[in-house]
């Protein structure tokens, strides 16, 4: 178990609290390289002010990855964005 001084202690404790609820939970690890759109948006979020952001017209990079996600193109794990 993580100690209170570990950098991810709060996150791990919250996950464990959710897992302890009376329901079935399935956790699946997905490499970030396999979910390029989510990785791109997470990185984009670091450059935006705190708040809700609605992306109506994605830039060309995001549009490219969204299209590939929609048609089911798989990205090799060795690919670096």
C-alpha atoms as a PDB file:
ATOM      1  CA  UNK A   1       0.000   0.000   0.000  1.00  0.00           C
ATOM      2  CA  UNK A   2       1.225   3.466  -0.801  1.00  0.00           C
ATOM      3  CA  UNK A   3       2.381   5.605   2.080  1.00  0.00           C
ATOM      4  CA  UNK A   4       0.845   9.041   2.687  1.00  0.00           C
ATOM      5  CA  UNK A   5       4.113  10.563   1.447  1.00  0.00           C
ATOM      6  CA  UNK A   6       3.976   8.875  -1.959  1.00  0.00           C
ATOM      7  CA  UNK A   7       3.244  11.249  -4.857  1.00  0.00           C
ATOM      8  CA  UNK A   8       0.250   9.150  -6.022  1.00  0.00           C
ATOM      9  CA  UNK A   9      -1.129   8.272  -2.567  1.00  0.00           C
ATOM     10  CA  UNK A  10      -4.324  10.328  -2.937  1.00  0.00           C
ATOM     11  CA  UNK A  11      -5.079   8.953  -6.409  1.00  0.00           C
ATOM     12  CA  UNK A  12      -4.466   5.349  -5.348  1.00  0.00           C
ATOM     13  CA  UNK A  13      -6.612   5.797  -2.227  1.00  0.00           C
ATOM     14  CA  UNK A  14      -9.470   7.229  -4.313  1.00  0.00           C
ATOM     15  CA  UNK A  15      -9.254   4.364  -6.821  1.00  0.00           C
ATOM     16  CA  UNK A  16      -9.340   1.841  -3.974  1.00  0.00           C
ATOM     17  CA  UNK A  17     -12.368   3.619  -2.481  1.00  0.00           C
ATOM     18  CA  UNK A  18     -14.216   3.352  -5.814  1.00  0.00           C
ATOM     19  CA  UNK A  19     -13.217  -0.301  -6.225  1.00  0.00           C
ATOM     20  CA  UNK A  20     -14.562  -1.123  -2.751  1.00  0.00           C
ATOM     21  CA  UNK A  21     -18.100  -0.093  -3.746  1.00  0.00           C
ATOM     22  CA  UNK A  22     -20.721  -2.822  -4.210  1.00  0.00           C
ATOM     23  CA  UNK A  23     -20.409  -3.199  -7.963  1.00  0.00           C
ATOM     24  CA  UNK A  24     -18.367  -5.019 -10.561  1.00  0.00           C
ATOM     25  CA  UNK A  25     -15.406  -3.113 -11.923  1.00  0.00           C
ATOM     26  CA  UNK A  26     -13.100  -4.036 -14.771  1.00  0.00           C
ATOM     27  CA  UNK A  27      -9.897  -2.049 -15.123  1.00  0.00           C
ATOM     28  CA  UNK A  28      -8.039  -2.327 -18.404  1.00  0.00           C
ATOM     29  CA  UNK A  29      -4.663  -0.779 -19.065  1.00  0.00           C
ATOM     30  CA  UNK A  30      -4.370   0.875 -22.452  1.00  0.00           C
ATOM     31  CA  UNK A  31      -0.978   2.166 -23.518  1.00  0.00           C
ATOM     32  CA  UNK A  32      -1.119   5.856 -24.279  1.00  0.00           C
ATOM     33  CA  UNK A  33       0.322   5.132 -27.720  1.00  0.00           C
ATOM     34  CA  UNK A  34      -2.816   3.119 -28.443  1.00  0.00           C
ATOM     35  CA  UNK A  35      -5.063   6.011 -27.499  1.00  0.00           C
ATOM     36  CA  UNK A  36      -3.399   8.881 -29.327  1.00  0.00           C
ATOM     37  CA  UNK A  37      -6.478  11.143 -29.219  1.00  0.00           C
ATOM     38  CA  UNK A  38      -6.752  10.974 -25.421  1.00  0.00           C
ATOM     39  CA  UNK A  39      -2.996  11.492 -25.070  1.00  0.00           C
ATOM     40  CA  UNK A  40      -3.109  14.480 -27.433  1.00  0.00           C
ATOM     41  CA  UNK A  41      -6.036  16.051 -25.544  1.00  0.00           C
ATOM     42  CA  UNK A  42      -4.341  15.452 -22.175  1.00  0.00           C
ATOM     43  CA  UNK A  43      -1.210  17.198 -23.407  1.00  0.00           C
ATOM     44  CA  UNK A  44      -3.284  20.011 -24.908  1.00  0.00           C
ATOM     45  CA  UNK A  45      -5.049  20.450 -21.574  1.00  0.00           C
ATOM     46  CA  UNK A  46      -1.771  21.383 -19.912  1.00  0.00           C
ATOM     47  CA  UNK A  47      -1.528  24.467 -22.116  1.00  0.00           C
ATOM     48  CA  UNK A  48      -5.101  25.660 -21.495  1.00  0.00           C
ATOM     49  CA  UNK A  49      -6.470  27.588 -18.514  1.00  0.00           C
ATOM     50  CA  UNK A  50      -8.487  25.630 -15.961  1.00  0.00           C
ATOM     51  CA  UNK A  51     -12.113  25.224 -17.011  1.00  0.00           C
ATOM     52  CA  UNK A  52     -14.329  23.577 -19.571  1.00  0.00           C
ATOM     53  CA  UNK A  53     -13.137  23.730 -23.172  1.00  0.00           C
ATOM     54  CA  UNK A  54     -15.325  22.744 -26.111  1.00  0.00           C
ATOM     55  CA  UNK A  55     -13.285  21.924 -29.213  1.00  0.00           C
ATOM     56  CA  UNK A  56     -15.613  22.629 -32.137  1.00  0.00           C
ATOM     57  CA  UNK A  57     -13.003  22.764 -34.894  1.00  0.00           C
ATOM     58  CA  UNK A  58     -10.043  20.512 -34.039  1.00  0.00           C
ATOM     59  CA  UNK A  59      -6.658  21.475 -35.424  1.00  0.00           C
ATOM     60  CA  UNK A  60      -5.189  19.381 -38.244  1.00  0.00           C
ATOM     61  CA  UNK A  61      -3.186  17.119 -35.920  1.00  0.00           C
ATOM     62  CA  UNK A  62      -6.192  16.274 -33.746  1.00  0.00           C
ATOM     63  CA  UNK A  63      -8.419  15.843 -36.825  1.00  0.00           C
ATOM     64  CA  UNK A  64      -5.859  13.418 -38.276  1.00  0.00           C
ATOM     65  CA  UNK A  65      -5.812  11.264 -35.129  1.00  0.00           C
ATOM     66  CA  UNK A  66      -9.600  11.433 -34.699  1.00  0.00           C
ATOM     67  CA  UNK A  67     -10.027  10.142 -38.257  1.00  0.00           C
ATOM     68  CA  UNK A  68      -7.590   7.297 -37.640  1.00  0.00           C
ATOM     69  CA  UNK A  69      -9.377   6.457 -34.399  1.00  0.00           C
ATOM     70  CA  UNK A  70     -12.763   6.396 -36.159  1.00  0.00           C
ATOM     71  CA  UNK A  71     -11.600   4.048 -38.934  1.00  0.00           C
ATOM     72  CA  UNK A  72      -9.775   1.791 -36.464  1.00  0.00           C
ATOM     73  CA  UNK A  73      -6.140   2.306 -37.436  1.00  0.00           C
ATOM     74  CA  UNK A  74      -3.865   0.702 -34.856  1.00  0.00           C
ATOM     75  CA  UNK A  75      -0.735   2.573 -33.855  1.00  0.00           C
ATOM     76  CA  UNK A  76       2.383   0.490 -33.113  1.00  0.00           C
ATOM     77  CA  UNK A  77       3.639   0.794 -29.538  1.00  0.00           C
ATOM     78  CA  UNK A  78       7.040   1.911 -30.821  1.00  0.00           C
ATOM     79  CA  UNK A  79       5.469   4.940 -32.541  1.00  0.00           C
ATOM     80  CA  UNK A  80       6.365   8.211 -30.831  1.00  0.00           C
ATOM     81  CA  UNK A  81       4.109  11.230 -31.263  1.00  0.00           C
END
